[in-house]
Amino acid sequence: MNLNSIPAFEDNYIWVLNNEDGQCLIVDPGEAEPVLHAIEENQWQPVAILLTHHHHDHIGGVKALVTRFPDIVVYGPEETRSKGAQVIVNEGEKFNILGCEFLALATPGHTLGHFSYFSFPYLFCGDTMFSAGCGRLFEGTPTQMYQSLQKINALPDETLICCAHEYTLSNLKFLVAILPDDPVLTQYYREVNELRAKNQKTLPSILKKERQINLYLRMEDDDLINKINPDLRLSPPEERFAWLRSKKDNF
């Protein structure tokens, strides 16, 4: 399988998996035009679409793609039924596309019905987890998002985090402000600065790297607790997560 990322809007990535025969799977096509261009350029044959949630920048291109390729099958959570999903996924379900088995994972937080899809090594996690960050809580609760991140964190080390936005630099800027003396964070911030200065992408990330640089996965880290708010030491990790996410919202 080959993993491809198609830039869309200002900072979206539309992910495409294709096999040697040119058949492909499209993830969260927020707009159709760049996808149609890539399909034509690479002579792909779309067979399926995966939707993670109902926001327009993730589903906006579905109608045009289905019109152009009427045999395409659209998978998505209940909240995407009205956005074009034909096969509604549920927690823990497994299904096959292009010979790969996908596991549907409920990952609420950003939206109440958000889903992610895992087929090793690929995790298509929409707006739940970003490199060095996580999604804004538009509909869900901090507890829901924390639990969703824990579910992702339980996946294998080599999992590729195929999230939907190029937010890595801005996320790291915030994290370095929280832990300015963390050598791993500061070094990676410099590396990402250099990449983005050359207009190079930072995704997909690798889960074992995220465990080092993504503070939302480090809620039990003594250094983090002491730095951000010692009073939260005895609080549940969900409350520490809520505190950190609220700081990001106002950064």
Protein backbone atom coordinates (compact mmCIF):
# COMPACT_ATOMS: atom_id res chain seq x y z
CA MET A 1 0.00 0.00 0.00
CA ASN A 2 1.10 3.56 -0.71
CA LEU A 3 0.15 6.47 1.55
CA ASN A 4 -0.46 9.84 -0.10
CA SER A 5 -1.45 13.21 1.32
CA ILE A 6 -3.35 15.78 -0.75
CA PRO A 7 -3.26 19.36 0.55
CA ALA A 8 -6.64 21.08 0.79
CA PHE A 9 -7.87 24.45 2.01
CA GLU A 10 -5.22 26.23 4.12
CA ASP A 11 -3.92 23.38 6.26
CA ASN A 12 -5.97 20.22 5.63
CA TYR A 13 -4.60 16.91 4.42
CA ILE A 14 -6.80 14.47 2.54
CA TRP A 15 -5.22 11.03 2.88
CA VAL A 16 -5.28 8.44 0.10
CA LEU A 17 -4.17 4.80 0.27
CA ASN A 18 -3.60 3.07 -3.04
CA ASN A 19 -2.54 -0.45 -3.98
CA GLU A 20 -0.37 -1.65 -6.85
CA ASP A 21 -3.43 -1.98 -9.09
CA GLY A 22 -4.26 1.71 -8.65
CA GLN A 23 -7.35 1.16 -6.54
CA CYS A 24 -7.59 3.73 -3.77
CA LEU A 25 -9.25 4.68 -0.51
CA ILE A 26 -9.89 8.36 0.26
CA VAL A 27 -10.11 9.74 3.80
CA ASP A 28 -12.08 12.88 4.68
CA PRO A 29 -12.35 14.57 1.25
CA GLY A 30 -13.18 18.08 2.39
CA GLU A 31 -13.13 19.28 -1.20
CA ALA A 32 -13.34 17.33 -4.41
CA GLU A 33 -11.18 19.28 -6.86
CA PRO A 34 -7.70 18.40 -5.51
CA VAL A 35 -8.77 14.76 -5.11
CA LEU A 36 -10.11 14.55 -8.66
CA HIS A 37 -6.88 16.09 -9.91
CA ALA A 38 -4.79 13.50 -8.02
CA ILE A 39 -7.00 10.67 -9.25
CA GLU A 40 -6.53 11.75 -12.84
CA GLU A 41 -2.81 12.39 -12.45
CA ASN A 42 -2.14 9.01 -10.83
CA GLN A 43 -4.82 7.07 -12.72
CA TRP A 44 -6.33 5.83 -9.48
CA GLN A 45 -9.61 3.94 -9.24
CA PRO A 46 -11.49 5.06 -6.09
CA VAL A 47 -13.30 2.25 -4.30
CA ALA A 48 -14.12 3.74 -0.89
CA ILE A 49 -14.23 6.85 1.28
CA LEU A 50 -13.74 6.97 5.05
CA LEU A 51 -15.32 9.84 6.99
CA THR A 52 -14.23 10.63 10.55
CA HIS A 53 -16.83 13.27 11.43
CA HIS A 54 -19.40 15.66 10.04
CA HIS A 55 -17.50 18.96 9.71
CA HIS A 56 -17.60 20.47 6.24
CA ASP A 57 -13.82 20.53 5.73
CA HIS A 58 -13.93 16.73 5.99
CA ILE A 59 -17.05 15.88 3.97
CA GLY A 60 -17.44 18.73 1.48
CA GLY A 61 -16.17 16.75 -1.51
CA VAL A 62 -18.16 13.56 -0.94
CA LYS A 63 -21.13 14.41 -3.18
CA ALA A 64 -18.97 15.31 -6.18
CA LEU A 65 -16.81 12.21 -5.80
CA VAL A 66 -19.81 9.88 -5.54
CA THR A 67 -21.36 11.57 -8.56
CA ARG A 68 -18.17 11.02 -10.53
CA PHE A 69 -17.63 7.46 -9.21
CA PRO A 70 -21.09 6.02 -8.43
CA ASP A 71 -19.72 2.64 -7.29
CA ILE A 72 -17.66 4.17 -4.50
CA VAL A 73 -18.65 3.07 -0.96
CA VAL A 74 -18.73 5.72 1.78
CA TYR A 75 -18.08 4.62 5.37
CA GLY A 76 -18.68 6.89 8.34
CA PRO A 77 -20.18 7.31 11.81
CA GLU A 78 -23.86 8.02 12.40
CA GLU A 79 -23.28 11.77 12.38
CA THR A 80 -22.14 11.55 8.75
CA ARG A 81 -25.23 9.69 7.50
CA SER A 82 -26.74 12.93 6.19
CA LYS A 83 -23.37 13.89 4.67
CA GLY A 84 -23.18 10.91 2.33
CA ALA A 85 -22.15 7.94 4.50
CA GLN A 86 -23.71 4.72 3.16
CA VAL A 87 -22.17 2.23 5.61
CA ILE A 88 -22.49 3.38 9.24
CA VAL A 89 -19.63 2.21 11.45
CA ASN A 90 -19.81 1.28 15.12
CA GLU A 91 -17.21 0.95 17.87
CA GLY A 92 -14.99 -2.08 17.43
CA GLU A 93 -16.31 -3.06 14.02
CA LYS A 94 -13.87 -4.46 11.48
CA PHE A 95 -14.20 -4.21 7.72
CA ASN A 96 -12.01 -4.78 4.69
CA ILE A 97 -10.99 -2.30 1.99
CA LEU A 98 -8.28 -2.96 -0.60
CA GLY A 99 -7.40 -6.18 1.22
CA CYS A 100 -6.71 -4.31 4.48
CA GLU A 101 -8.67 -4.89 7.67
CA PHE A 102 -9.77 -1.64 9.31
CA LEU A 103 -10.83 -1.29 12.93
CA ALA A 104 -13.39 1.43 13.69
CA LEU A 105 -12.63 3.30 16.91
CA ALA A 106 -15.07 5.71 18.53
CA THR A 107 -13.00 8.78 19.43
CA PRO A 108 -15.45 11.45 20.64
CA GLY A 109 -14.32 14.83 21.88
CA HIS A 110 -13.95 17.08 18.86
CA THR A 111 -17.47 15.99 17.90
CA LEU A 112 -19.71 13.59 19.80
CA GLY A 113 -19.71 10.98 17.05
CA HIS A 114 -16.13 11.24 15.82
CA PHE A 115 -14.51 7.98 14.66
CA SER A 116 -10.94 6.98 13.80
CA TYR A 117 -9.82 4.08 11.63
CA PHE A 118 -6.85 1.81 12.26
CA SER A 119 -5.17 -0.60 9.86
CA PHE A 120 -1.57 -1.08 10.94
CA PRO A 121 0.46 0.98 10.53
CA TYR A 122 -2.08 3.62 9.52
CA LEU A 123 -4.35 5.51 11.91
CA PHE A 124 -6.71 7.98 10.27
CA CYS A 125 -7.75 10.05 13.27
CA GLY A 126 -9.33 13.15 11.72
CA ASP A 127 -9.40 15.95 14.29
CA THR A 128 -8.99 13.85 17.44
CA MET A 129 -5.21 13.83 17.70
CA PHE A 130 -2.71 16.04 15.91
CA SER A 131 1.04 15.92 16.02
CA ALA A 132 1.91 17.57 19.36
CA GLY A 133 -1.75 18.32 19.95
CA CYS A 134 -5.40 17.34 19.94
CA GLY A 135 -8.62 18.69 18.52
CA ARG A 136 -10.67 21.51 19.95
CA LEU A 137 -13.66 20.36 22.00
CA PHE A 138 -16.57 21.60 19.91
CA GLU A 139 -19.14 19.06 21.12
CA GLY A 140 -17.54 16.57 23.49
CA THR A 141 -16.16 16.81 27.01
CA PRO A 142 -12.54 16.85 28.22
CA THR A 143 -13.11 13.39 29.69
CA GLN A 144 -14.28 12.04 26.34
CA MET A 145 -11.28 13.49 24.52
CA TYR A 146 -8.85 12.26 27.16
CA GLN A 147 -10.28 8.75 26.87
CA SER A 148 -10.10 8.92 23.07
CA LEU A 149 -6.43 9.88 23.25
CA GLN A 150 -5.80 7.03 25.67
CA LYS A 151 -7.38 4.65 23.16
CA ILE A 152 -5.01 5.94 20.47
CA ASN A 153 -2.06 5.77 22.86
CA ALA A 154 -2.70 2.05 23.35
CA LEU A 155 -1.91 1.33 19.69
CA PRO A 156 1.51 0.00 18.58
CA ASP A 157 4.60 2.23 18.72
CA GLU A 158 5.01 2.34 14.94
CA THR A 159 1.46 3.55 14.26
CA LEU A 160 1.44 6.39 11.73
CA ILE A 161 -0.70 9.28 12.94
CA CYS A 162 -2.49 10.41 9.79
CA CYS A 163 -4.36 13.41 11.16
CA ALA A 164 -6.20 15.96 9.08
CA HIS A 165 -4.38 19.24 9.72
CA GLU A 166 -0.86 20.66 9.56
CA TYR A 167 -0.95 22.14 13.06
CA THR A 168 2.35 20.77 14.34
CA LEU A 169 4.29 24.05 14.51
CA SER A 170 1.57 26.00 16.30
CA ASN A 171 1.00 23.10 18.69
CA LEU A 172 4.70 22.94 19.54
CA LYS A 173 4.88 26.69 20.06
CA PHE A 174 2.28 26.29 22.80
CA LEU A 175 3.91 23.24 24.36
CA VAL A 176 7.33 24.89 24.49
CA ALA A 177 5.72 27.82 26.28
CA ILE A 178 4.39 25.35 28.86
CA LEU A 179 7.64 23.37 29.24
CA PRO A 180 10.45 25.63 27.97
CA ASP A 181 13.15 23.46 29.56
CA ASP A 182 12.07 20.17 27.98
CA PRO A 183 14.99 19.25 25.67
CA VAL A 184 12.96 16.87 23.49
CA LEU A 185 10.26 19.46 22.92
CA THR A 186 12.63 22.31 22.18
CA GLN A 187 14.70 20.22 19.76
CA TYR A 188 11.65 19.03 17.87
CA TYR A 189 10.30 22.58 17.76
CA ARG A 190 13.51 23.66 16.01
CA GLU A 191 13.27 20.76 13.56
CA VAL A 192 9.66 21.52 12.70
CA ASN A 193 10.44 25.22 12.30
CA GLU A 194 13.02 24.30 9.69
CA LEU A 195 10.66 21.93 7.89
CA ARG A 196 7.83 24.42 7.70
CA ALA A 197 10.19 27.20 6.59
CA LYS A 198 10.85 24.98 3.54
CA ASN A 199 7.12 24.30 3.19
CA GLN A 200 7.69 20.62 4.00
CA LYS A 201 5.03 18.61 5.79
CA THR A 202 5.39 17.16 9.29
CA LEU A 203 2.88 14.34 8.83
CA PRO A 204 2.30 11.52 9.26
CA SER A 205 3.81 11.44 12.72
CA ILE A 206 4.74 8.24 14.57
CA LEU A 207 3.01 7.33 17.82
CA LYS A 208 6.24 6.58 19.69
CA LYS A 209 7.39 10.13 18.85
CA GLU A 210 4.06 11.57 19.96
CA ARG A 211 4.48 9.91 23.35
CA GLN A 212 7.58 12.08 23.77
CA ILE A 213 6.41 15.42 22.39
CA ASN A 214 2.64 15.44 22.77
CA LEU A 215 1.88 16.67 26.29
CA TYR A 216 -1.73 15.50 26.00
CA LEU A 217 -0.31 11.97 26.19
CA ARG A 218 1.82 12.85 29.21
CA MET A 219 -0.80 13.59 31.83
CA GLU A 220 1.00 11.40 34.40
CA ASP A 221 4.36 13.13 33.84
CA ASP A 222 5.61 14.61 37.14
CA ASP A 223 7.57 17.33 35.37
CA LEU A 224 4.48 18.41 33.47
CA ILE A 225 2.29 18.43 36.57
CA ASN A 226 4.84 20.46 38.53
CA LYS A 227 5.27 22.94 35.70
CA ILE A 228 1.70 23.58 34.66
CA ASN A 229 -0.16 23.49 37.95
CA PRO A 230 1.08 21.67 41.08
CA ASP A 231 -2.39 21.97 42.60
CA LEU A 232 -3.61 19.45 40.03
CA ARG A 233 -1.23 16.72 41.23
CA LEU A 234 -3.96 14.84 43.08
CA SER A 235 -6.63 15.49 40.47
CA PRO A 236 -7.74 12.86 37.97
CA PRO A 237 -5.74 13.00 34.73
CA GLU A 238 -8.92 14.06 32.92
CA GLU A 239 -8.90 17.30 34.93
CA ARG A 240 -5.25 17.92 34.16
CA PHE A 241 -6.05 17.36 30.50
CA ALA A 242 -8.95 19.85 30.68
CA TRP A 243 -6.65 22.44 32.26
CA LEU A 244 -4.03 22.05 29.54
CA ARG A 245 -6.56 22.08 26.69
CA SER A 246 -8.15 25.25 28.07
CA LYS A 247 -4.73 26.90 28.16
CA LYS A 248 -4.28 26.01 24.48
CA ASP A 249 -7.70 27.46 23.64
CA ASN A 250 -6.61 30.80 25.05
CA PHE A 251 -2.97 30.76 23.93
